Amino acid sequence: MPFRECSRVMEREEFCRLALTEGANRRELCRRFGISPSIGYKWLDRYREGGVAGLGDRSRRPAISPGRR
């Protein structure tokens, strides 16, 4: 895993751990990390599904393209 991606995953992991603590204000954490609330909740869902491995960048390439055969 390249350094840049590793640091992104570590930052996302830190956000998720803080957001999942009892009484955490998730919107305030989003402001602190400089992300939108929708991104924050997306990271939390991915963390719940796949743990730290689920926080890596994903491909944006479509699974199916209507123009290709």
N, C-alpha and C. Protein backbone atom coordinates (compact mmCIF):
# COMPACT_ATOMS: atom_id res chain seq x y z
N MET A 1 0.85 -1.17 0.00
CA MET A 1 0.00 0.00 0.00
C MET A 1 0.89 1.23 0.00
N PRO A 2 0.74 2.13 -0.98
CA PRO A 2 1.54 3.34 -1.03
C PRO A 2 1.32 4.21 0.20
N PHE A 3 2.31 5.06 0.49
CA PHE A 3 2.27 5.89 1.70
C PHE A 3 1.04 6.77 1.74
N ARG A 4 0.73 7.41 0.62
CA ARG A 4 -0.39 8.34 0.60
C ARG A 4 -1.70 7.63 0.94
N GLU A 5 -1.92 6.46 0.34
CA GLU A 5 -3.14 5.71 0.63
C GLU A 5 -3.14 5.22 2.07
N CYS A 6 -1.98 4.84 2.57
CA CYS A 6 -1.87 4.36 3.95
C CYS A 6 -2.26 5.48 4.93
N SER A 7 -1.80 6.70 4.67
CA SER A 7 -2.13 7.81 5.57
C SER A 7 -3.62 8.14 5.48
N ARG A 8 -4.23 7.99 4.29
CA ARG A 8 -5.67 8.22 4.16
C ARG A 8 -6.45 7.22 4.99
N VAL A 9 -6.03 5.97 4.90
CA VAL A 9 -6.73 4.91 5.65
C VAL A 9 -6.58 5.15 7.15
N MET A 10 -5.40 5.57 7.58
CA MET A 10 -5.19 5.84 9.01
C MET A 10 -6.06 7.01 9.48
N GLU A 11 -6.19 8.04 8.64
CA GLU A 11 -7.03 9.19 9.00
C GLU A 11 -8.50 8.75 9.08
N ARG A 12 -8.94 7.95 8.12
CA ARG A 12 -10.32 7.47 8.12
C ARG A 12 -10.58 6.56 9.32
N GLU A 13 -9.60 5.73 9.65
CA GLU A 13 -9.74 4.85 10.81
C GLU A 13 -9.87 5.66 12.09
N GLU A 14 -9.05 6.70 12.22
CA GLU A 14 -9.12 7.56 13.41
C GLU A 14 -10.49 8.22 13.51
N PHE A 15 -11.01 8.71 12.38
CA PHE A 15 -12.34 9.32 12.37
C PHE A 15 -13.38 8.32 12.85
N CYS A 16 -13.35 7.10 12.31
CA CYS A 16 -14.35 6.09 12.66
C CYS A 16 -14.27 5.70 14.13
N ARG A 17 -13.08 5.53 14.64
CA ARG A 17 -12.94 5.17 16.05
C ARG A 17 -13.47 6.27 16.96
N LEU A 18 -13.19 7.52 16.61
CA LEU A 18 -13.70 8.63 17.41
C LEU A 18 -15.22 8.74 17.29
N ALA A 19 -15.74 8.53 16.08
CA ALA A 19 -17.17 8.68 15.85
C ALA A 19 -17.97 7.57 16.52
N LEU A 20 -17.37 6.41 16.72
CA LEU A 20 -18.08 5.29 17.32
C LEU A 20 -18.00 5.27 18.85
N THR A 21 -17.29 6.23 19.43
CA THR A 21 -17.24 6.28 20.89
C THR A 21 -18.57 6.81 21.42
N GLU A 22 -18.87 6.46 22.66
CA GLU A 22 -20.12 6.85 23.31
C GLU A 22 -20.22 8.37 23.40
N GLY A 23 -21.32 8.93 22.93
CA GLY A 23 -21.57 10.36 23.04
C GLY A 23 -20.81 11.23 22.06
N ALA A 24 -20.25 10.65 21.02
CA ALA A 24 -19.48 11.43 20.05
C ALA A 24 -20.41 12.26 19.18
N ASN A 25 -20.01 13.50 18.92
CA ASN A 25 -20.75 14.38 18.03
C ASN A 25 -20.16 14.20 16.63
N ARG A 26 -20.84 13.43 15.80
CA ARG A 26 -20.30 13.06 14.48
C ARG A 26 -20.18 14.26 13.55
N ARG A 27 -21.13 15.16 13.61
CA ARG A 27 -21.06 16.34 12.73
C ARG A 27 -19.88 17.24 13.10
N GLU A 28 -19.61 17.35 14.38
CA GLU A 28 -18.45 18.14 14.81
C GLU A 28 -17.16 17.45 14.36
N LEU A 29 -17.11 16.13 14.45
CA LEU A 29 -15.94 15.40 13.97
C LEU A 29 -15.75 15.61 12.47
N CYS A 30 -16.83 15.62 11.72
CA CYS A 30 -16.73 15.86 10.27
C CYS A 30 -16.13 17.24 10.01
N ARG A 31 -16.57 18.24 10.75
CA ARG A 31 -15.99 19.58 10.59
C ARG A 31 -14.51 19.57 10.94
N ARG A 32 -14.16 18.88 12.00
CA ARG A 32 -12.76 18.82 12.43
C ARG A 32 -11.87 18.13 11.41
N PHE A 33 -12.39 17.10 10.75
CA PHE A 33 -11.62 16.37 9.76
C PHE A 33 -11.73 16.99 8.36
N GLY A 34 -12.58 18.00 8.22
CA GLY A 34 -12.72 18.69 6.94
C GLY A 34 -13.46 17.89 5.88
N ILE A 35 -14.46 17.11 6.32
CA ILE A 35 -15.24 16.30 5.38
C ILE A 35 -16.72 16.62 5.57
N SER A 36 -17.51 16.28 4.56
CA SER A 36 -18.96 16.47 4.68
C SER A 36 -19.55 15.35 5.53
N PRO A 37 -20.69 15.60 6.15
CA PRO A 37 -21.34 14.54 6.94
C PRO A 37 -21.66 13.29 6.12
N SER A 38 -22.02 13.46 4.85
CA SER A 38 -22.34 12.29 4.03
C SER A 38 -21.10 11.41 3.83
N ILE A 39 -19.94 12.02 3.67
CA ILE A 39 -18.69 11.25 3.57
C ILE A 39 -18.40 10.56 4.89
N GLY A 40 -18.59 11.26 5.99
CA GLY A 40 -18.35 10.68 7.31
C GLY A 40 -19.21 9.45 7.56
N TYR A 41 -20.49 9.54 7.22
CA TYR A 41 -21.37 8.39 7.42
C TYR A 41 -21.03 7.26 6.45
N LYS A 42 -20.56 7.60 5.25
CA LYS A 42 -20.13 6.57 4.30
C LYS A 42 -18.92 5.82 4.86
N TRP A 43 -17.96 6.55 5.42
CA TRP A 43 -16.80 5.90 6.02
C TRP A 43 -17.21 5.00 7.18
N LEU A 44 -18.16 5.46 8.00
CA LEU A 44 -18.62 4.64 9.12
C LEU A 44 -19.28 3.35 8.64
N ASP A 45 -20.08 3.44 7.59
CA ASP A 45 -20.71 2.23 7.04
C ASP A 45 -19.67 1.25 6.52
N ARG A 46 -18.68 1.78 5.81
CA ARG A 46 -17.61 0.92 5.28
C ARG A 46 -16.80 0.30 6.41
N TYR A 47 -16.56 1.05 7.47
CA TYR A 47 -15.80 0.54 8.61
C TYR A 47 -16.57 -0.57 9.32
N ARG A 48 -17.87 -0.41 9.44
CA ARG A 48 -18.69 -1.45 10.08
C ARG A 48 -18.72 -2.71 9.22
N GLU A 49 -18.77 -2.55 7.90
CA GLU A 49 -18.84 -3.70 7.00
C GLU A 49 -17.51 -4.45 6.90
N GLY A 50 -16.42 -3.72 6.70
CA GLY A 50 -15.15 -4.38 6.40
C GLY A 50 -14.00 -4.05 7.31
N GLY A 51 -14.24 -3.33 8.39
CA GLY A 51 -13.15 -2.95 9.27
C GLY A 51 -12.20 -1.98 8.59
N VAL A 52 -10.95 -2.01 8.98
CA VAL A 52 -9.95 -1.09 8.43
C VAL A 52 -9.76 -1.34 6.94
N ALA A 53 -9.86 -2.60 6.51
CA ALA A 53 -9.68 -2.93 5.09
C ALA A 53 -10.75 -2.28 4.22
N GLY A 54 -11.92 -2.02 4.77
CA GLY A 54 -13.00 -1.40 4.01
C GLY A 54 -12.84 0.09 3.81
N LEU A 55 -11.84 0.69 4.43
CA LEU A 55 -11.66 2.14 4.35
C LEU A 55 -10.76 2.59 3.21
N GLY A 56 -10.17 1.66 2.50
CA GLY A 56 -9.30 2.02 1.38
C GLY A 56 -10.08 2.63 0.23
N ASP A 57 -9.36 3.30 -0.65
CA ASP A 57 -10.00 3.88 -1.83
C ASP A 57 -10.55 2.77 -2.71
N ARG A 58 -11.69 3.04 -3.32
CA ARG A 58 -12.32 2.09 -4.21
C ARG A 58 -12.32 2.63 -5.63
N SER A 59 -12.36 1.72 -6.58
CA SER A 59 -12.42 2.11 -7.98
C SER A 59 -13.76 2.77 -8.28
N ARG A 60 -13.72 3.78 -9.13
CA ARG A 60 -14.94 4.46 -9.53
C ARG A 60 -15.43 3.95 -10.89
N ARG A 61 -14.71 2.99 -11.43
CA ARG A 61 -15.07 2.43 -12.73
C ARG A 61 -16.39 1.67 -12.61
N PRO A 62 -17.31 1.88 -13.55
CA PRO A 62 -18.58 1.16 -13.48
C PRO A 62 -18.39 -0.33 -13.72
N ALA A 63 -19.20 -1.14 -13.06
CA ALA A 63 -19.12 -2.59 -13.23
C ALA A 63 -19.62 -2.98 -14.61
N ILE A 64 -20.62 -2.25 -15.10
CA ILE A 64 -21.20 -2.55 -16.41
C ILE A 64 -21.28 -1.25 -17.21
N SER A 65 -20.87 -1.30 -18.46
CA SER A 65 -20.97 -0.16 -19.33
C SER A 65 -21.85 -0.51 -20.52
N PRO A 66 -22.96 0.18 -20.73
CA PRO A 66 -23.90 -0.19 -21.80
C PRO A 66 -23.29 -0.16 -23.20
N GLY A 67 -22.30 0.69 -23.42
CA GLY A 67 -21.71 0.82 -24.75
C GLY A 67 -20.68 -0.23 -25.09
N ARG A 68 -20.20 -0.96 -24.13
CA ARG A 68 -19.15 -1.97 -24.35
C ARG A 68 -19.75 -3.35 -24.41
N ARG A 69 -19.12 -4.21 -25.16
CA ARG A 69 -19.58 -5.60 -25.25
C ARG A 69 -18.55 -6.52 -24.68
